[in-house]
């Protein structure tokens, strides 16, 4: 369908070929469904595949309903939890190629999907039986063609393997993976609305690439700091699964794997799932020159954040010895890492579903949950704001993130301030109250140092995501809320505000 084996030097598919491949795969097997979620920024089809055993694929609405009930204890019947866990499937979302110059990400899903659909070995059958895999071959299909077109046009020239000299996402370039809390791009919106919010995945495998002269592969645990509104159950799951993946890959002979380095788990701008019951397993594989081979001598490897690429340590046990690095190596490492995730998680289906339901149960307890005693009860957002467009935009952001927003039915006083009837109220004792708190409170990035008395430790990137400050909207945290409120508003109840250009 694409005319070459994924991982062949100097070969990249066009997006139409990727769509054609998944379309053909879906027509050939009852173990996969293909869905077009909408159109990208530049009008290409945005697709997602659903893979499991054929009996599960034939009953997908049933499993979506199980996930909905596990995610929100308020909609469960008394005593229903155990039966839901017994009947449910582990939902794993695999997303790839959001950064389109990380080209292994557009090839790896082809290999993974084929292996999941066609494999008849015991391990593959067990994965299909225990999981539902949601697969997004590219979070930026426009960039697949932008980068691929540039790369093919430069083959055999001095520019071969160089970065594309223009944005590979029409609006955001490389920063499209910082959009998971503002939801400004249609690709983000489709992924959140049609996958995250519909399926509530317990695990999200986010496939990326990094520089070529450090580790061959990063797998969590993440470095400090951890954003304080993420449930520790999730971070514990991230740590356990990431280290088991590393264990499996090391046993397979993979070298150059690092944990607890480079990347933190601080901001929701990169990790929507951490506030919605899911463990984010980021993998970052070393890059080549787009799809052209490179040679990386051992002596040229440089230290990364939290490890030395040439020295063995607890979080970098087996250094890579240098040499040729190709697109085939990238695909091999990415496929192996994702397969290690699925192989490790599938037998633990019951444990993952149990802990997923516990995260939801703790969330609806709010400041009554252990470890959350210092949380406010709610945030109140007055109707009277200097910029009504920004107010509505902020409220719609919260609603897209499944945050329930209510309105006070009568005037009230909080913190010596009088608020009118109709004031917007975001209670934090709700399934995604942590997401609301992370976006509405002022962040306090921790004062980390390289060593005691040493210089400040530079953050990975984002340190704050306070929507009220970013958008000029007032919001007040309150410790109690004594008046009655309306029911949660629907997304359509807050009208969009359009402005003339």
Protein backbone atom coordinates (compact mmCIF):
# COMPACT_ATOMS: atom_id res chain seq x y z
CA UNK A 1 0.00 0.00 0.00
CA UNK A 2 2.89 2.38 0.73
CA UNK A 3 5.33 0.66 -1.64
CA UNK A 4 8.14 -0.09 0.82
CA UNK A 5 8.83 -1.73 4.17
CA UNK A 6 8.38 0.80 7.03
CA UNK A 7 11.86 1.75 8.20
CA UNK A 8 13.53 1.63 4.79
CA UNK A 9 16.22 4.30 4.44
CA UNK A 10 15.09 7.48 2.66
CA UNK A 11 11.49 6.34 2.27
CA UNK A 12 8.49 8.19 3.71
CA UNK A 13 4.79 7.76 2.87
CA UNK A 14 2.37 10.46 1.86
CA UNK A 15 -0.63 10.90 4.13
CA UNK A 16 -2.97 9.53 1.45
CA UNK A 17 -0.95 6.31 1.47
CA UNK A 18 -1.25 6.01 5.25
CA UNK A 19 -5.02 6.48 5.03
CA UNK A 20 -5.20 3.94 2.22
CA UNK A 21 -3.20 1.43 4.28
CA UNK A 22 -5.47 1.70 7.31
CA UNK A 23 -8.54 1.60 5.08
CA UNK A 24 -7.35 -1.63 3.47
CA UNK A 25 -6.47 -3.13 6.86
CA UNK A 26 -9.93 -2.30 8.19
CA UNK A 27 -11.59 -3.91 5.16
CA UNK A 28 -9.52 -7.05 5.61
CA UNK A 29 -10.28 -7.84 9.25
CA UNK A 30 -13.11 -7.68 11.81
CA UNK A 31 -10.51 -6.85 14.46
CA UNK A 32 -10.15 -3.21 13.42
CA UNK A 33 -12.48 -0.29 12.77
CA UNK A 34 -11.33 2.90 11.07
CA UNK A 35 -12.99 6.23 11.84
CA UNK A 36 -12.53 9.62 10.22
CA UNK A 37 -12.91 12.10 13.06
CA UNK A 38 -13.01 15.17 10.80
CA UNK A 39 -10.77 17.34 8.67
CA UNK A 40 -7.38 18.76 9.60
CA UNK A 41 -6.47 22.43 9.47
CA UNK A 42 -5.61 22.11 5.78
CA UNK A 43 -8.45 19.74 4.91
CA UNK A 44 -6.93 16.26 5.14
CA UNK A 45 -8.83 13.37 6.76
CA UNK A 46 -8.01 12.92 10.45
CA UNK A 47 -8.29 9.21 11.24
CA UNK A 48 -8.26 6.90 14.24
CA UNK A 49 -8.26 3.10 14.32
CA UNK A 50 -9.81 0.90 17.01
CA UNK A 51 -8.21 -2.54 17.40
CA UNK A 52 -9.24 -5.48 19.59
CA UNK A 53 -10.59 -8.99 19.12
CA UNK A 54 -13.55 -9.32 16.78
CA UNK A 55 -16.10 -9.92 19.56
CA UNK A 56 -15.06 -6.70 21.28
CA UNK A 57 -15.10 -4.69 18.05
CA UNK A 58 -18.67 -5.89 17.47
CA UNK A 59 -19.74 -4.51 20.88
CA UNK A 60 -17.85 -1.23 21.20
CA UNK A 61 -20.80 0.80 22.58
CA UNK A 62 -21.00 -1.60 25.54
CA UNK A 63 -17.34 -1.02 26.41
CA UNK A 64 -17.65 2.74 26.06
CA UNK A 65 -20.51 2.65 28.58
CA UNK A 66 -18.42 0.55 30.98
CA UNK A 67 -15.64 3.13 30.75
CA UNK A 68 -18.07 5.96 31.38
CA UNK A 69 -19.33 4.30 34.54
CA UNK A 70 -15.87 3.45 35.80
CA UNK A 71 -14.70 7.02 35.18
CA UNK A 72 -17.53 8.66 37.14
CA UNK A 73 -18.72 6.92 40.32
CA UNK A 74 -21.78 9.20 40.44
CA UNK A 75 -23.38 7.38 37.48
CA UNK A 76 -22.78 3.86 38.81
CA UNK A 77 -25.40 1.77 40.53
CA UNK A 78 -24.57 0.62 44.09
CA UNK A 79 -22.34 -2.44 44.02
CA UNK A 80 -21.78 -2.21 40.25
CA UNK A 81 -18.07 -1.43 40.30
CA UNK A 82 -16.77 -5.00 40.53
CA UNK A 83 -18.89 -6.26 37.66
CA UNK A 84 -17.82 -3.35 35.47
CA UNK A 85 -14.17 -4.14 36.15
CA UNK A 86 -14.74 -7.82 35.43
CA UNK A 87 -16.43 -7.05 32.10
CA UNK A 88 -14.38 -4.03 30.98
CA UNK A 89 -11.37 -3.72 28.72
CA UNK A 90 -8.14 -1.84 29.28
CA UNK A 91 -8.25 1.19 26.95
CA UNK A 92 -4.87 2.18 25.49
CA UNK A 93 -4.60 5.24 23.24
CA UNK A 94 -1.51 5.37 21.03
CA UNK A 95 -0.81 8.78 19.51
CA UNK A 96 1.99 9.48 17.10
CA UNK A 97 3.60 11.97 14.75
CA UNK A 98 2.39 15.20 16.35
CA UNK A 99 5.84 16.56 15.47
CA UNK A 100 6.06 15.77 11.81
CA UNK A 101 9.84 15.92 11.51
CA UNK A 102 9.89 12.97 13.95
CA UNK A 103 9.17 10.73 11.01
CA UNK A 104 9.42 7.36 12.71
CA UNK A 105 6.08 8.25 14.20
CA UNK A 106 4.27 7.97 10.88
CA UNK A 107 5.81 4.54 10.12
CA UNK A 108 5.55 2.86 13.52
CA UNK A 109 1.70 2.84 13.59
CA UNK A 110 1.66 0.91 10.32
CA UNK A 111 3.79 -1.85 11.86
CA UNK A 112 1.93 -1.86 15.17
CA UNK A 113 -1.52 -1.99 13.58
CA UNK A 114 -0.60 -4.85 11.27
CA UNK A 115 0.96 -6.84 14.10
CA UNK A 116 -2.02 -6.28 16.39
CA UNK A 117 -4.56 -7.21 13.74
CA UNK A 118 -2.84 -10.18 12.13
CA UNK A 119 -0.73 -11.74 14.90
CA UNK A 120 -1.79 -15.22 16.04
CA UNK A 121 0.82 -15.83 18.75
CA UNK A 122 -0.35 -16.15 22.35
CA UNK A 123 0.95 -12.72 23.38
CA UNK A 124 -0.86 -10.87 20.60
CA UNK A 125 -4.09 -12.78 21.21
CA UNK A 126 -3.87 -11.88 24.91
CA UNK A 127 -3.40 -8.20 24.09
CA UNK A 128 -6.45 -8.24 21.81
CA UNK A 129 -8.51 -10.07 24.42
CA UNK A 130 -7.69 -7.72 27.30
CA UNK A 131 -7.40 -4.33 25.60
CA UNK A 132 -9.01 -1.94 23.18
CA UNK A 133 -6.26 -0.07 21.36
CA UNK A 134 -7.16 3.33 19.95
CA UNK A 135 -4.54 4.41 17.43
CA UNK A 136 -4.02 7.86 15.91
CA UNK A 137 -1.40 7.38 13.15
CA UNK A 138 -0.70 11.10 13.12
CA UNK A 139 -1.86 14.00 15.25
CA UNK A 140 -0.70 16.31 12.43
CA UNK A 141 -1.44 14.78 9.01
CA UNK A 142 -0.77 18.11 7.28
CA UNK A 143 2.77 17.98 8.59
CA UNK A 144 3.27 14.46 7.29
CA UNK A 145 2.99 15.80 3.75
CA UNK A 146 4.81 19.07 4.47
CA UNK A 147 7.87 17.34 5.94
CA UNK A 148 7.71 14.39 3.56
CA UNK A 149 7.44 16.64 0.51
CA UNK A 150 10.41 18.71 1.61
CA UNK A 151 12.46 15.61 2.38
CA UNK A 152 11.77 13.95 -0.96
CA UNK A 153 12.57 17.17 -2.81
CA UNK A 154 16.00 17.38 -1.18
CA UNK A 155 17.15 13.78 -1.65
CA UNK A 156 20.60 13.67 -3.18
CA UNK A 157 21.24 17.36 -2.46
CA UNK A 158 23.24 19.03 0.35
CA UNK A 159 19.89 19.77 2.03
CA UNK A 160 18.96 16.11 2.39
CA UNK A 161 17.90 15.36 5.94
CA UNK A 162 17.59 18.99 6.99
CA UNK A 163 14.65 20.47 8.84
CA UNK A 164 11.83 21.82 6.74
CA UNK A 165 12.32 25.62 6.43
CA UNK A 166 8.71 26.50 7.28
CA UNK A 167 6.06 25.57 9.83
CA UNK A 168 4.93 21.95 9.64
CA UNK A 169 1.74 22.82 11.46
CA UNK A 170 -0.05 25.69 9.77
CA UNK A 171 -0.59 27.68 12.97
CA UNK A 172 1.58 26.25 15.74
CA UNK A 173 4.65 24.68 14.17
CA UNK A 174 6.40 22.48 16.73
CA UNK A 175 4.29 23.61 19.68
CA UNK A 176 1.11 21.78 18.72
CA UNK A 177 1.78 19.42 21.64
CA UNK A 178 1.42 22.32 24.09
CA UNK A 179 -2.27 22.68 23.18
CA UNK A 180 -3.76 20.06 25.53
CA UNK A 181 -5.23 22.66 27.88
CA UNK A 182 -6.21 25.49 25.53
CA UNK A 183 -7.65 23.33 22.70
CA UNK A 184 -7.00 25.94 20.02
CA UNK A 185 -6.36 23.54 17.12
CA UNK A 186 -8.90 21.33 15.36
CA UNK A 187 -6.58 18.32 15.64
CA UNK A 188 -6.49 18.73 19.43
CA UNK A 189 -10.24 19.20 19.60
CA UNK A 190 -10.99 16.07 17.57
CA UNK A 191 -8.64 13.94 19.68
CA UNK A 192 -10.08 15.23 22.96
CA UNK A 193 -13.75 15.14 21.93
CA UNK A 194 -13.79 11.84 20.05
CA UNK A 195 -11.16 9.77 21.88
CA UNK A 196 -10.17 11.05 25.33
CA UNK A 197 -13.62 12.20 26.43
CA UNK A 198 -15.49 9.32 24.79
CA UNK A 199 -13.23 6.41 25.71
CA UNK A 200 -11.45 7.60 28.91
CA UNK A 201 -8.22 5.67 28.23
CA UNK A 202 -6.35 4.29 31.22
CA UNK A 203 -3.03 4.52 29.34
CA UNK A 204 -1.84 6.90 26.62
CA UNK A 205 1.35 6.05 24.73
CA UNK A 206 2.63 9.28 23.16
CA UNK A 207 5.33 8.48 20.57
CA UNK A 208 8.00 11.15 19.97
CA UNK A 209 11.63 11.54 18.92
CA UNK A 210 14.47 13.54 20.44
CA UNK A 211 18.01 14.57 19.50
CA UNK A 212 20.48 12.13 18.00
CA UNK A 213 23.48 12.54 20.31
CA UNK A 214 22.05 11.48 23.69
CA UNK A 215 20.04 8.43 24.78
CA UNK A 216 18.47 6.12 22.21
CA UNK A 217 15.16 6.02 24.09
CA UNK A 218 13.49 7.84 26.99
CA UNK A 219 10.76 6.08 28.97
CA UNK A 220 9.21 7.39 32.22
CA UNK A 221 9.45 7.82 35.21
CA UNK A 222 9.59 11.56 34.67
CA UNK A 223 11.90 13.97 36.42
CA UNK A 224 10.60 16.25 39.14
CA UNK A 225 8.52 18.31 39.37
CA UNK A 226 5.21 16.50 39.19
CA UNK A 227 2.20 18.84 38.88
CA UNK A 228 0.50 18.65 42.30
CA UNK A 229 -3.06 18.20 40.98
CA UNK A 230 -2.25 14.87 39.29
CA UNK A 231 -3.49 11.95 41.36
CA UNK A 232 -0.52 10.01 42.81
CA UNK A 233 -2.18 6.75 41.77
CA UNK A 234 -1.59 7.78 38.14
CA UNK A 235 2.02 8.78 38.64
CA UNK A 236 2.68 5.51 40.46
CA UNK A 237 1.21 3.71 37.47
CA UNK A 238 3.40 5.71 35.09
CA UNK A 239 6.49 4.82 37.13
CA UNK A 240 5.67 1.13 37.40
CA UNK A 241 4.77 0.68 33.72
CA UNK A 242 7.72 2.72 32.45
CA UNK A 243 10.21 0.70 34.47
CA UNK A 244 8.65 -2.60 33.39
CA UNK A 245 8.93 -1.48 29.77
CA UNK A 246 12.61 -0.68 30.38
CA UNK A 247 13.10 -4.09 32.01
CA UNK A 248 11.60 -5.89 29.03
CA UNK A 249 13.54 -3.88 26.43
CA UNK A 250 16.82 -4.30 28.29
CA UNK A 251 16.25 -8.06 28.35
CA UNK A 252 15.74 -7.89 24.57
CA UNK A 253 19.18 -6.31 24.15
CA UNK A 254 18.07 -2.70 23.61
CA UNK A 255 20.70 -0.24 24.85
CA UNK A 256 20.80 3.48 25.55
CA UNK A 257 17.51 3.58 27.49
CA UNK A 258 17.06 6.31 30.09
CA UNK A 259 14.44 6.93 32.78
CA UNK A 260 13.87 9.79 35.23
CA UNK A 261 15.62 12.27 32.95
CA UNK A 262 15.03 15.21 30.62
CA UNK A 263 11.21 15.38 30.76
CA UNK A 264 8.97 16.36 33.66
CA UNK A 265 5.26 15.87 34.34
CA UNK A 266 4.48 19.43 35.33
CA UNK A 267 1.97 20.92 32.93
CA UNK A 268 -1.43 19.92 31.50
CA UNK A 269 -0.42 21.61 28.26
CA UNK A 270 1.43 18.37 27.46
CA UNK A 271 -0.64 15.88 29.48
CA UNK A 272 -4.43 16.10 29.20
CA UNK A 273 -4.73 12.47 30.28
CA UNK A 274 -3.06 13.03 33.67
CA UNK A 275 -6.13 15.01 34.74
CA UNK A 276 -8.61 12.58 33.20
CA UNK A 277 -7.70 9.25 34.75
CA UNK A 278 -4.98 8.22 32.27
CA UNK A 279 -1.27 7.49 32.65
CA UNK A 280 0.85 9.24 30.02
CA UNK A 281 3.72 7.09 28.77
CA UNK A 282 5.87 9.40 26.67
CA UNK A 283 8.57 7.70 24.60
CA UNK A 284 11.31 9.71 22.93
CA UNK A 285 13.52 7.84 20.47
CA UNK A 286 16.76 9.25 19.08
CA UNK A 287 16.42 10.77 15.60
CA UNK A 288 18.33 10.32 12.36
CA UNK A 289 18.56 12.94 9.57
CA UNK A 290 14.81 12.70 8.92
CA UNK A 291 14.83 9.30 7.11
CA UNK A 292 18.52 9.37 6.11
CA UNK A 293 21.12 7.41 8.11
CA UNK A 294 23.63 9.16 10.35
CA UNK A 295 26.81 8.07 12.10
CA UNK A 296 27.11 8.93 15.78
CA UNK A 297 30.56 8.09 17.22
CA UNK A 298 30.53 7.09 20.88
CA UNK A 299 32.84 9.99 21.75
CA UNK A 300 30.34 12.47 20.32
CA UNK A 301 27.55 11.43 22.69
CA UNK A 302 26.84 14.17 25.21
CA UNK A 303 25.27 14.24 28.67
CA UNK A 304 21.53 14.61 28.93
CA UNK A 305 19.51 16.13 31.75
CA UNK A 306 19.86 13.68 34.62
CA UNK A 307 22.28 11.20 33.05
CA UNK A 308 25.52 10.89 31.05
CA UNK A 309 25.14 9.16 27.66
CA UNK A 310 28.55 7.50 28.02
CA UNK A 311 28.31 6.35 31.65
CA UNK A 312 26.20 3.60 33.19
CA UNK A 313 23.94 4.68 36.06
CA UNK A 314 20.76 3.45 37.78
CA UNK A 315 18.56 5.32 35.27
CA UNK A 316 20.81 4.65 32.25
CA UNK A 317 22.02 1.13 32.77
CA UNK A 318 23.46 0.13 29.38
CA UNK A 319 24.99 2.93 27.28
CA UNK A 320 24.68 2.71 23.50
CA UNK A 321 28.13 2.28 21.96
CA UNK A 322 27.63 4.57 19.01
CA UNK A 323 27.62 3.80 15.29
CA UNK A 324 25.13 4.09 12.46
CA UNK A 325 21.60 5.17 13.36
CA UNK A 326 18.82 4.80 10.81
CA UNK A 327 15.09 5.25 10.36
CA UNK A 328 14.92 1.45 10.69
CA UNK A 329 16.45 1.68 14.16
CA UNK A 330 13.92 4.35 15.09
CA UNK A 331 10.96 2.24 13.99
CA UNK A 332 12.43 -0.81 15.74
CA UNK A 333 12.80 1.03 19.06
CA UNK A 334 9.38 2.67 18.82
CA UNK A 335 7.56 -0.54 17.93
CA UNK A 336 9.42 -2.45 20.63
CA UNK A 337 8.60 0.15 23.27
CA UNK A 338 4.90 0.26 22.40
CA UNK A 339 4.74 -3.53 22.29
CA UNK A 340 6.44 -3.74 25.68
CA UNK A 341 3.78 -1.39 27.03
CA UNK A 342 0.93 -3.49 25.67
CA UNK A 343 2.51 -6.77 26.77
CA UNK A 344 3.11 -5.48 30.29
CA UNK A 345 -0.27 -3.78 30.75
CA UNK A 346 -2.65 -6.34 29.24
CA UNK A 347 -2.18 -9.02 31.95
CA UNK A 348 -2.72 -6.26 34.56
CA UNK A 349 -6.10 -5.26 33.09
CA UNK A 350 -7.98 -5.72 36.34
CA UNK A 351 -5.48 -3.68 38.35
CA UNK A 352 -5.50 -0.85 35.83
CA UNK A 353 -9.31 -0.71 35.82
CA UNK A 354 -9.49 -0.88 39.61
CA UNK A 355 -7.07 2.00 40.01
CA UNK A 356 -8.76 3.98 37.23
CA UNK A 357 -12.04 3.76 39.13
CA UNK A 358 -10.30 4.77 42.37
CA UNK A 359 -8.97 7.92 40.73
CA UNK A 360 -12.53 8.90 39.85
CA UNK A 361 -13.78 8.07 43.33
CA UNK A 362 -11.08 10.19 44.97
CA UNK A 363 -11.82 13.05 42.57
CA UNK A 364 -15.47 13.35 43.56
CA UNK A 365 -14.44 13.48 47.22
CA UNK A 366 -12.54 16.71 46.49
CA UNK A 367 -10.95 18.08 49.66
CA UNK A 368 -12.29 15.11 51.62
CA UNK A 369 -9.92 12.77 49.81
CA UNK A 370 -6.63 11.90 51.55
CA UNK A 371 -3.93 14.30 50.38
CA UNK A 372 -6.41 16.90 49.16
CA UNK A 373 -7.41 18.41 52.49
CA UNK A 374 -6.03 21.83 51.51
CA UNK A 375 -8.02 22.12 48.30
CA UNK A 376 -10.63 24.89 48.07
CA UNK A 377 -14.21 23.82 47.65
CA UNK A 378 -14.77 25.75 44.43
CA UNK A 379 -13.75 28.55 42.12
CA UNK A 380 -16.29 31.28 41.45
CA UNK A 381 -16.15 33.28 38.22
CA UNK A 382 -18.21 36.49 38.13
CA UNK A 383 -20.35 37.21 35.09
CA UNK A 384 -19.10 40.79 35.04
CA UNK A 385 -15.71 40.66 33.33
CA UNK A 386 -13.86 43.31 31.30
CA UNK A 387 -13.73 41.00 28.28
CA UNK A 388 -16.80 38.85 27.75
CA UNK A 389 -15.19 37.05 24.81
CA UNK A 390 -12.31 35.89 27.02
CA UNK A 391 -14.76 34.82 29.73
CA UNK A 392 -16.71 32.65 27.31
CA UNK A 393 -13.53 31.23 25.81
CA UNK A 394 -12.24 30.25 29.25
CA UNK A 395 -15.53 28.62 30.22
CA UNK A 396 -15.62 26.65 26.97
CA UNK A 397 -12.04 25.47 27.56
CA UNK A 398 -13.09 24.11 30.93
CA UNK A 399 -16.17 22.48 29.46
CA UNK A 400 -14.19 20.83 26.67
CA UNK A 401 -12.03 19.37 29.43
CA UNK A 402 -15.23 17.85 30.92
CA UNK A 403 -15.28 20.28 33.83
CA UNK A 404 -18.80 20.84 35.13
CA UNK A 405 -19.76 24.51 35.46
CA UNK A 406 -22.80 25.58 37.43
CA UNK A 407 -24.44 28.91 38.26
CA UNK A 408 -25.44 30.31 41.62
CA UNK A 409 -29.21 30.70 41.96
CA UNK A 410 -28.98 33.55 44.50
CA UNK A 411 -26.50 36.25 45.61
CA UNK A 412 -23.82 35.21 48.11
CA UNK A 413 -20.79 36.58 49.95
CA UNK A 414 -17.42 34.87 49.87
CA UNK A 415 -14.10 36.29 51.08
CA UNK A 416 -15.96 39.51 51.95
CA UNK A 417 -16.97 39.93 48.32
CA UNK A 418 -20.60 39.93 47.20
CA UNK A 419 -21.34 37.83 44.13
CA UNK A 420 -24.56 38.06 42.17
CA UNK A 421 -26.98 35.33 41.22
CA UNK A 422 -25.83 33.73 37.99
CA UNK A 423 -22.16 33.68 39.04
CA UNK A 424 -20.35 30.75 37.44
CA UNK A 425 -19.27 28.12 39.95
CA UNK A 426 -16.73 25.32 39.44
CA UNK A 427 -16.98 22.86 42.30
CA UNK A 428 -13.83 20.76 42.72
CA UNK A 429 -15.55 17.63 44.03
CA UNK A 430 -16.17 16.34 40.51
CA UNK A 431 -14.34 13.82 38.29
CA UNK A 432 -12.13 16.42 36.62
CA UNK A 433 -11.89 18.93 39.43
CA UNK A 434 -8.10 18.53 39.38
CA UNK A 435 -8.01 19.76 35.79
CA UNK A 436 -10.07 22.80 36.76
CA UNK A 437 -7.85 23.54 39.75
CA UNK A 438 -4.67 23.21 37.67
CA UNK A 439 -6.00 25.77 35.17
CA UNK A 440 -7.67 28.22 37.54
CA UNK A 441 -5.20 28.54 40.41
CA UNK A 442 -1.92 30.47 40.37
CA UNK A 443 0.93 28.01 39.84
CA UNK A 444 3.86 27.93 42.24
CA UNK A 445 6.69 26.25 40.39
CA UNK A 446 8.99 24.62 42.95
CA UNK A 447 12.36 26.13 43.80
CA UNK A 448 14.58 23.33 42.52
CA UNK A 449 18.37 23.51 42.52
CA UNK A 450 21.07 21.49 40.79
CA UNK A 451 22.46 20.63 44.24
CA UNK A 452 22.06 22.11 47.76
CA UNK A 453 23.17 25.72 47.57
CA UNK A 454 23.71 25.42 43.82
CA UNK A 455 22.15 27.23 40.86
CA UNK A 456 18.44 26.89 40.02
CA UNK A 457 17.52 23.85 37.98
CA UNK A 458 16.11 25.00 34.64
CA UNK A 459 12.56 23.78 33.96
CA UNK A 460 11.93 21.61 30.92
CA UNK A 461 9.56 24.18 29.42
CA UNK A 462 6.17 25.31 30.75
CA UNK A 463 5.95 26.54 34.34
CA UNK A 464 2.47 28.12 34.43
CA UNK A 465 -0.89 27.66 32.76
CA UNK A 466 -3.22 29.90 34.80
CA UNK A 467 -6.13 30.68 32.49
CA UNK A 468 -7.47 33.67 34.48
CA UNK A 469 -4.10 35.42 34.24
CA UNK A 470 -3.55 34.44 30.62
CA UNK A 471 -7.01 35.63 29.58
CA UNK A 472 -7.68 38.53 31.93
CA UNK A 473 -10.63 36.83 33.64
CA UNK A 474 -11.24 37.03 37.38
CA UNK A 475 -11.68 33.80 39.35
CA UNK A 476 -11.77 33.39 43.13
CA UNK A 477 -11.10 30.24 45.14
CA UNK A 478 -13.58 29.73 48.01
CA UNK A 479 -13.46 27.28 50.90
CA UNK A 480 -17.20 26.70 51.02
CA UNK A 481 -20.22 27.37 48.88
CA UNK A 482 -23.44 27.77 50.84
CA UNK A 483 -26.04 28.56 48.15
CA UNK A 484 -27.85 26.36 45.65
CA UNK A 485 -26.74 26.09 42.05
CA UNK A 486 -28.15 25.14 38.69
CA UNK A 487 -27.20 21.86 37.09
CA UNK A 488 -24.02 21.62 35.06
CA UNK A 489 -24.26 23.52 31.78
CA UNK A 490 -23.80 21.81 28.44
CA UNK A 491 -21.02 22.86 26.11
CA UNK A 492 -23.52 24.53 23.79
CA UNK A 493 -24.99 26.64 26.58
CA UNK A 494 -22.03 29.00 26.53
CA UNK A 495 -22.16 30.69 23.16
CA UNK A 496 -19.07 31.27 21.13
CA UNK A 497 -18.00 34.88 20.65
CA UNK A 498 -16.63 35.72 17.24
CA UNK A 499 -14.76 38.90 16.47
CA UNK A 500 -14.23 40.60 13.16
CA UNK A 501 -10.69 40.38 11.78
